[in-house]
Amino acid sequence: MTALLASALPKTIEEVGAIAGIVSFVVMLALFGLYIYRAMELRKLRRSMPFLVDPGNANGQPPDGRSGRPDRAAG
């Protein structure tokens, strides 16, 4: 009985590994598709709303150097 189990175990492990490899490949393809879809959506958003993206300003500040929030009066 032990010899039968020992000879069947490597084949079972090989089958499980093959299935895991195929599943991981399919998952990677799905993630790649989502990545491409996200990139296309970002490109479309940047084209339709260019005021949200200011490529000339890397620090996130408005061009005049202020924070972009209205000033509050102390009180």
PDB file of N, CA and C in Angstrom:
ATOM      1  N   MET A   1       0.823  -1.188   0.000  1.00  0.00           N
ATOM      2  CA  MET A   1       0.000   0.000   0.000  1.00  0.00           C
ATOM      3  C   MET A   1       0.873   1.261   0.000  1.00  0.00           C
ATOM      4  N   THR A   2       1.929   1.249   0.798  1.00  0.00           N
ATOM      5  CA  THR A   2       2.812   2.407   0.877  1.00  0.00           C
ATOM      6  C   THR A   2       3.531   2.625  -0.448  1.00  0.00           C
ATOM      7  N   ALA A   3       3.945   1.555  -1.104  1.00  0.00           N
ATOM      8  CA  ALA A   3       4.634   1.678  -2.382  1.00  0.00           C
ATOM      9  C   ALA A   3       3.694   2.245  -3.448  1.00  0.00           C
ATOM     10  N   LEU A   4       2.437   1.866  -3.402  1.00  0.00           N
ATOM     11  CA  LEU A   4       1.460   2.371  -4.353  1.00  0.00           C
ATOM     12  C   LEU A   4       1.245   3.880  -4.145  1.00  0.00           C
ATOM     13  N   LEU A   5       1.164   4.303  -2.883  1.00  0.00           N
ATOM     14  CA  LEU A   5       0.984   5.718  -2.573  1.00  0.00           C
ATOM     15  C   LEU A   5       2.217   6.522  -2.980  1.00  0.00           C
ATOM     16  N   ALA A   6       3.394   5.963  -2.757  1.00  0.00           N
ATOM     17  CA  ALA A   6       4.624   6.668  -3.095  1.00  0.00           C
ATOM     18  C   ALA A   6       4.792   6.821  -4.605  1.00  0.00           C
ATOM     19  N   SER A   7       4.314   5.869  -5.366  1.00  0.00           N
ATOM     20  CA  SER A   7       4.445   5.989  -6.819  1.00  0.00           C
ATOM     21  C   SER A   7       3.360   6.891  -7.413  1.00  0.00           C
ATOM     22  N   ALA A   8       2.221   7.022  -6.761  1.00  0.00           N
ATOM     23  CA  ALA A   8       1.135   7.858  -7.269  1.00  0.00           C
ATOM     24  C   ALA A   8       1.297   9.314  -6.846  1.00  0.00           C
ATOM     25  N   LEU A   9       2.020   9.557  -5.765  1.00  0.00           N
ATOM     26  CA  LEU A   9       2.156  10.914  -5.238  1.00  0.00           C
ATOM     27  C   LEU A   9       2.867  11.862  -6.206  1.00  0.00           C
ATOM     28  N   PRO A  10       3.990  11.489  -6.818  1.00  0.00           N
ATOM     29  CA  PRO A  10       4.636  12.432  -7.741  1.00  0.00           C
ATOM     30  C   PRO A  10       3.747  12.816  -8.935  1.00  0.00           C
ATOM     31  N   LYS A  11       2.962  11.880  -9.451  1.00  0.00           N
ATOM     32  CA  LYS A  11       2.075  12.202 -10.566  1.00  0.00           C
ATOM     33  C   LYS A  11       0.988  13.163 -10.118  1.00  0.00           C
ATOM     34  N   THR A  12       0.473  12.977  -8.925  1.00  0.00           N
ATOM     35  CA  THR A  12      -0.550  13.879  -8.400  1.00  0.00           C
ATOM     36  C   THR A  12       0.009  15.276  -8.219  1.00  0.00           C
ATOM     37  N   ILE A  13       1.215  15.352  -7.674  1.00  0.00           N
ATOM     38  CA  ILE A  13       1.854  16.652  -7.484  1.00  0.00           C
ATOM     39  C   ILE A  13       2.110  17.315  -8.828  1.00  0.00           C
ATOM     40  N   GLU A  14       2.500  16.543  -9.806  1.00  0.00           N
ATOM     41  CA  GLU A  14       2.736  17.085 -11.143  1.00  0.00           C
ATOM     42  C   GLU A  14       1.446  17.627 -11.754  1.00  0.00           C
ATOM     43  N   GLU A  15       0.338  16.922 -11.583  1.00  0.00           N
ATOM     44  CA  GLU A  15      -0.941  17.378 -12.108  1.00  0.00           C
ATOM     45  C   GLU A  15      -1.400  18.661 -11.410  1.00  0.00           C
ATOM     46  N   VAL A  16      -1.240  18.707 -10.087  1.00  0.00           N
ATOM     47  CA  VAL A  16      -1.633  19.904  -9.338  1.00  0.00           C
ATOM     48  C   VAL A  16      -0.767  21.091  -9.766  1.00  0.00           C
ATOM     49  N   GLY A  17       0.517  20.858  -9.953  1.00  0.00           N
ATOM     50  CA  GLY A  17       1.402  21.928 -10.395  1.00  0.00           C
ATOM     51  C   GLY A  17       1.048  22.430 -11.786  1.00  0.00           C
ATOM     52  N   ALA A  18       0.674  21.519 -12.673  1.00  0.00           N
ATOM     53  CA  ALA A  18       0.285  21.926 -14.023  1.00  0.00           C
ATOM     54  C   ALA A  18      -0.988  22.761 -13.995  1.00  0.00           C
ATOM     55  N   ILE A  19      -1.944  22.347 -13.192  1.00  0.00           N
ATOM     56  CA  ILE A  19      -3.189  23.113 -13.072  1.00  0.00           C
ATOM     57  C   ILE A  19      -2.913  24.485 -12.467  1.00  0.00           C
ATOM     58  N   ALA A  20      -2.057  24.540 -11.444  1.00  0.00           N
ATOM     59  CA  ALA A  20      -1.720  25.822 -10.818  1.00  0.00           C
ATOM     60  C   ALA A  20      -1.011  26.732 -11.808  1.00  0.00           C
ATOM     61  N   GLY A  21      -0.164  26.196 -12.649  1.00  0.00           N
ATOM     62  CA  GLY A  21       0.514  26.994 -13.653  1.00  0.00           C
ATOM     63  C   GLY A  21      -0.444  27.579 -14.669  1.00  0.00           C
ATOM     64  N   ILE A  22      -1.389  26.785 -15.108  1.00  0.00           N
ATOM     65  CA  ILE A  22      -2.385  27.265 -16.079  1.00  0.00           C
ATOM     66  C   ILE A  22      -3.259  28.344 -15.451  1.00  0.00           C
ATOM     67  N   VAL A  23      -3.683  28.116 -14.207  1.00  0.00           N
ATOM     68  CA  VAL A  23      -4.524  29.102 -13.521  1.00  0.00           C
ATOM     69  C   VAL A  23      -3.758  30.402 -13.318  1.00  0.00           C
ATOM     70  N   SER A  24      -2.488  30.314 -12.933  1.00  0.00           N
ATOM     71  CA  SER A  24      -1.713  31.539 -12.719  1.00  0.00           C
ATOM     72  C   SER A  24      -1.518  32.300 -14.031  1.00  0.00           C
ATOM     73  N   PHE A  25      -1.359  31.599 -15.128  1.00  0.00           N
ATOM     74  CA  PHE A  25      -1.230  32.246 -16.427  1.00  0.00           C
ATOM     75  C   PHE A  25      -2.518  32.988 -16.799  1.00  0.00           C
ATOM     76  N   VAL A  26      -3.660  32.367 -16.559  1.00  0.00           N
ATOM     77  CA  VAL A  26      -4.942  32.995 -16.860  1.00  0.00           C
ATOM     78  C   VAL A  26      -5.154  34.228 -15.979  1.00  0.00           C
ATOM     79  N   VAL A  27      -4.770  34.126 -14.710  1.00  0.00           N
ATOM     80  CA  VAL A  27      -4.904  35.270 -13.803  1.00  0.00           C
ATOM     81  C   VAL A  27      -3.992  36.408 -14.252  1.00  0.00           C
ATOM     82  N   MET A  28      -2.783  36.088 -14.681  1.00  0.00           N
ATOM     83  CA  MET A  28      -1.879  37.134 -15.164  1.00  0.00           C
ATOM     84  C   MET A  28      -2.439  37.812 -16.412  1.00  0.00           C
ATOM     85  N   LEU A  29      -3.048  37.047 -17.308  1.00  0.00           N
ATOM     86  CA  LEU A  29      -3.675  37.642 -18.491  1.00  0.00           C
ATOM     87  C   LEU A  29      -4.814  38.578 -18.095  1.00  0.00           C
ATOM     88  N   ALA A  30      -5.611  38.181 -17.104  1.00  0.00           N
ATOM     89  CA  ALA A  30      -6.708  39.028 -16.651  1.00  0.00           C
ATOM     90  C   ALA A  30      -6.175  40.316 -16.032  1.00  0.00           C
ATOM     91  N   LEU A  31      -5.121  40.224 -15.221  1.00  0.00           N
ATOM     92  CA  LEU A  31      -4.538  41.417 -14.616  1.00  0.00           C
ATOM     93  C   LEU A  31      -3.934  42.339 -15.673  1.00  0.00           C
ATOM     94  N   PHE A  32      -3.317  41.760 -16.679  1.00  0.00           N
ATOM     95  CA  PHE A  32      -2.766  42.566 -17.771  1.00  0.00           C
ATOM     96  C   PHE A  32      -3.885  43.288 -18.513  1.00  0.00           C
ATOM     97  N   GLY A  33      -4.988  42.607 -18.746  1.00  0.00           N
ATOM     98  CA  GLY A  33      -6.138  43.241 -19.391  1.00  0.00           C
ATOM     99  C   GLY A  33      -6.687  44.392 -18.567  1.00  0.00           C
ATOM    100  N   LEU A  34      -6.768  44.222 -17.253  1.00  0.00           N
ATOM    101  CA  LEU A  34      -7.228  45.303 -16.387  1.00  0.00           C
ATOM    102  C   LEU A  34      -6.260  46.472 -16.397  1.00  0.00           C
ATOM    103  N   TYR A  35      -4.972  46.201 -16.462  1.00  0.00           N
ATOM    104  CA  TYR A  35      -3.963  47.250 -16.513  1.00  0.00           C
ATOM    105  C   TYR A  35      -4.112  48.076 -17.793  1.00  0.00           C
ATOM    106  N   ILE A  36      -4.302  47.401 -18.914  1.00  0.00           N
ATOM    107  CA  ILE A  36      -4.479  48.083 -20.187  1.00  0.00           C
ATOM    108  C   ILE A  36      -5.771  48.901 -20.175  1.00  0.00           C
ATOM    109  N   TYR A  37      -6.835  48.338 -19.628  1.00  0.00           N
ATOM    110  CA  TYR A  37      -8.109  49.054 -19.548  1.00  0.00           C
ATOM    111  C   TYR A  37      -7.962  50.316 -18.698  1.00  0.00           C
ATOM    112  N   ARG A  38      -7.255  50.218 -17.586  1.00  0.00           N
ATOM    113  CA  ARG A  38      -7.032  51.372 -16.711  1.00  0.00           C
ATOM    114  C   ARG A  38      -6.219  52.451 -17.432  1.00  0.00           C
ATOM    115  N   ALA A  39      -5.213  52.044 -18.166  1.00  0.00           N
ATOM    116  CA  ALA A  39      -4.398  53.005 -18.904  1.00  0.00           C
ATOM    117  C   ALA A  39      -5.229  53.722 -19.964  1.00  0.00           C
ATOM    118  N   MET A  40      -6.105  53.013 -20.632  1.00  0.00           N
ATOM    119  CA  MET A  40      -6.959  53.641 -21.639  1.00  0.00           C
ATOM    120  C   MET A  40      -7.941  54.615 -20.997  1.00  0.00           C
ATOM    121  N   GLU A  41      -8.480  54.254 -19.838  1.00  0.00           N
ATOM    122  CA  GLU A  41      -9.401  55.144 -19.138  1.00  0.00           C
ATOM    123  C   GLU A  41      -8.683  56.400 -18.663  1.00  0.00           C
ATOM    124  N   LEU A  42      -7.465  56.267 -18.166  1.00  0.00           N
ATOM    125  CA  LEU A  42      -6.706  57.435 -17.734  1.00  0.00           C
ATOM    126  C   LEU A  42      -6.401  58.354 -18.911  1.00  0.00           C
ATOM    127  N   ARG A  43      -6.043  57.790 -20.036  1.00  0.00           N
ATOM    128  CA  ARG A  43      -5.764  58.596 -21.222  1.00  0.00           C
ATOM    129  C   ARG A  43      -7.018  59.357 -21.647  1.00  0.00           C
ATOM    130  N   LYS A  44      -8.164  58.664 -21.617  1.00  0.00           N
ATOM    131  CA  LYS A  44      -9.414  59.310 -21.983  1.00  0.00           C
ATOM    132  C   LYS A  44      -9.755  60.424 -20.990  1.00  0.00           C
ATOM    133  N   LEU A  45      -9.534  60.199 -19.705  1.00  0.00           N
ATOM    134  CA  LEU A  45      -9.803  61.211 -18.693  1.00  0.00           C
ATOM    135  C   LEU A  45      -8.892  62.422 -18.865  1.00  0.00           C
ATOM    136  N   ARG A  46      -7.630  62.181 -19.148  1.00  0.00           N
ATOM    137  CA  ARG A  46      -6.695  63.286 -19.331  1.00  0.00           C
ATOM    138  C   ARG A  46      -7.027  64.104 -20.567  1.00  0.00           C
ATOM    139  N   ARG A  47      -7.536  63.463 -21.602  1.00  0.00           N
ATOM    140  CA  ARG A  47      -7.912  64.197 -22.812  1.00  0.00           C
ATOM    141  C   ARG A  47      -9.190  64.993 -22.600  1.00  0.00           C
ATOM    142  N   SER A  48     -10.142  64.441 -21.853  1.00  0.00           N
ATOM    143  CA  SER A  48     -11.419  65.122 -21.687  1.00  0.00           C
ATOM    144  C   SER A  48     -11.389  66.174 -20.581  1.00  0.00           C
ATOM    145  N   MET A  49     -10.476  66.039 -19.612  1.00  0.00           N
ATOM    146  CA  MET A  49     -10.397  66.993 -18.504  1.00  0.00           C
ATOM    147  C   MET A  49      -8.952  67.407 -18.259  1.00  0.00           C
ATOM    148  N   PRO A  50      -8.374  68.184 -19.159  1.00  0.00           N
ATOM    149  CA  PRO A  50      -6.958  68.538 -19.007  1.00  0.00           C
ATOM    150  C   PRO A  50      -6.691  69.462 -17.831  1.00  0.00           C
ATOM    151  N   PHE A  51      -7.719  70.124 -17.302  1.00  0.00           N
ATOM    152  CA  PHE A  51      -7.499  71.003 -16.170  1.00  0.00           C
ATOM    153  C   PHE A  51      -7.173  70.239 -14.892  1.00  0.00           C
ATOM    154  N   LEU A  52      -7.435  68.935 -14.868  1.00  0.00           N
ATOM    155  CA  LEU A  52      -7.093  68.132 -13.694  1.00  0.00           C
ATOM    156  C   LEU A  52      -5.616  67.760 -13.661  1.00  0.00           C
ATOM    157  N   VAL A  53      -4.954  67.833 -14.806  1.00  0.00           N
ATOM    158  CA  VAL A  53      -3.560  67.428 -14.903  1.00  0.00           C
ATOM    159  C   VAL A  53      -2.746  68.620 -15.379  1.00  0.00           C
ATOM    160  N   ASP A  54      -1.736  68.988 -14.618  1.00  0.00           N
ATOM    161  CA  ASP A  54      -0.832  70.066 -15.002  1.00  0.00           C
ATOM    162  C   ASP A  54       0.560  69.470 -15.119  1.00  0.00           C
ATOM    163  N   PRO A  55       0.952  69.004 -16.305  1.00  0.00           N
ATOM    164  CA  PRO A  55       2.239  68.317 -16.422  1.00  0.00           C
ATOM    165  C   PRO A  55       3.436  69.210 -16.151  1.00  0.00           C
ATOM    166  N   GLY A  56       3.281  70.532 -16.238  1.00  0.00           N
ATOM    167  CA  GLY A  56       4.406  71.415 -15.989  1.00  0.00           C
ATOM    168  C   GLY A  56       4.694  71.622 -14.516  1.00  0.00           C
ATOM    169  N   ASN A  57       3.812  71.171 -13.636  1.00  0.00           N
ATOM    170  CA  ASN A  57       3.975  71.401 -12.208  1.00  0.00           C
ATOM    171  C   ASN A  57       4.028  70.060 -11.495  1.00  0.00           C
ATOM    172  N   ALA A  58       5.217  69.634 -11.103  1.00  0.00           N
ATOM    173  CA  ALA A  58       5.397  68.293 -10.553  1.00  0.00           C
ATOM    174  C   ALA A  58       5.099  68.218  -9.062  1.00  0.00           C
ATOM    175  N   ASN A  59       5.064  69.358  -8.342  1.00  0.00           N
ATOM    176  CA  ASN A  59       4.886  69.279  -6.894  1.00  0.00           C
ATOM    177  C   ASN A  59       3.434  69.355  -6.463  1.00  0.00           C
ATOM    178  N   GLY A  60       2.490  69.462  -7.374  1.00  0.00           N
ATOM    179  CA  GLY A  60       1.084  69.444  -7.024  1.00  0.00           C
ATOM    180  C   GLY A  60       0.533  70.789  -6.604  1.00  0.00           C
ATOM    181  N   GLN A  61       1.334  71.834  -6.642  1.00  0.00           N
ATOM    182  CA  GLN A  61       0.886  73.172  -6.263  1.00  0.00           C
ATOM    183  C   GLN A  61       0.306  73.883  -7.490  1.00  0.00           C
ATOM    184  N   PRO A  62      -0.640  74.787  -7.281  1.00  0.00           N
ATOM    185  CA  PRO A  62      -1.110  75.608  -8.397  1.00  0.00           C
ATOM    186  C   PRO A  62       0.021  76.476  -8.923  1.00  0.00           C
ATOM    187  N   PRO A  63      -0.095  76.996 -10.154  1.00  0.00           N
ATOM    188  CA  PRO A  63       1.004  77.750 -10.757  1.00  0.00           C
ATOM    189  C   PRO A  63       1.439  78.976  -9.961  1.00  0.00           C
ATOM    190  N   ASP A  64       0.533  79.610  -9.189  1.00  0.00           N
ATOM    191  CA  ASP A  64       0.917  80.800  -8.443  1.00  0.00           C
ATOM    192  C   ASP A  64       1.583  80.470  -7.107  1.00  0.00           C
ATOM    193  N   GLY A  65       1.713  79.219  -6.743  1.00  0.00           N
ATOM    194  CA  GLY A  65       2.429  78.820  -5.536  1.00  0.00           C
ATOM    195  C   GLY A  65       1.575  78.722  -4.295  1.00  0.00           C
ATOM    196  N   ARG A  66       0.293  79.085  -4.389  1.00  0.00           N
ATOM    197  CA  ARG A  66      -0.581  78.974  -3.217  1.00  0.00           C
ATOM    198  C   ARG A  66      -1.074  77.542  -3.079  1.00  0.00           C
ATOM    199  N   SER A  67      -1.778  77.270  -2.006  1.00  0.00           N
ATOM    200  CA  SER A  67      -2.247  75.913  -1.746  1.00  0.00           C
ATOM    201  C   SER A  67      -3.483  75.553  -2.540  1.00  0.00           C
ATOM    202  N   GLY A  68      -4.190  76.522  -3.057  1.00  0.00           N
ATOM    203  CA  GLY A  68      -5.402  76.240  -3.802  1.00  0.00           C
ATOM    204  C   GLY A  68      -6.641  76.331  -2.945  1.00  0.00           C
ATOM    205  N   ARG A  69      -6.479  76.465  -1.624  1.00  0.00           N
ATOM    206  CA  ARG A  69      -7.620  76.621  -0.725  1.00  0.00           C
ATOM    207  C   ARG A  69      -7.891  78.107  -0.509  1.00  0.00           C
ATOM    208  N   PRO A  70      -9.164  78.448  -0.301  1.00  0.00           N
ATOM    209  CA  PRO A  70      -9.451  79.856  -0.020  1.00  0.00           C
ATOM    210  C   PRO A  70      -8.899  80.242   1.360  1.00  0.00           C
ATOM    211  N   ASP A  71      -8.472  81.498   1.459  1.00  0.00           N
ATOM    212  CA  ASP A  71      -7.955  81.982   2.735  1.00  0.00           C
ATOM    213  C   ASP A  71      -9.096  82.143   3.731  1.00  0.00           C
ATOM    214  N   ARG A  72      -8.832  81.731   4.976  1.00  0.00           N
ATOM    215  CA  ARG A  72      -9.835  81.890   6.031  1.00  0.00           C
ATOM    216  C   ARG A  72      -9.420  83.033   6.939  1.00  0.00           C
ATOM    217  N   ALA A  73     -10.379  83.804   7.341  1.00  0.00           N
ATOM    218  CA  ALA A  73     -10.105  84.894   8.270  1.00  0.00           C
ATOM    219  C   ALA A  73     -10.020  84.326   9.685  1.00  0.00           C
ATOM    220  N   ALA A  74      -9.021  84.743  10.429  1.00  0.00           N
ATOM    221  CA  ALA A  74      -8.891  84.269  11.811  1.00  0.00           C
ATOM    222  C   ALA A  74     -10.027  84.865  12.624  1.00  0.00           C
ATOM    223  N   GLY A  75     -10.626  84.012  13.418  1.00  0.00           N
ATOM    224  CA  GLY A  75     -11.693  84.615  14.149  1.00  0.00           C
ATOM    225  C   GLY A  75     -12.328  83.729  15.065  1.00  0.00           C
TER     226      GLY A  75
END
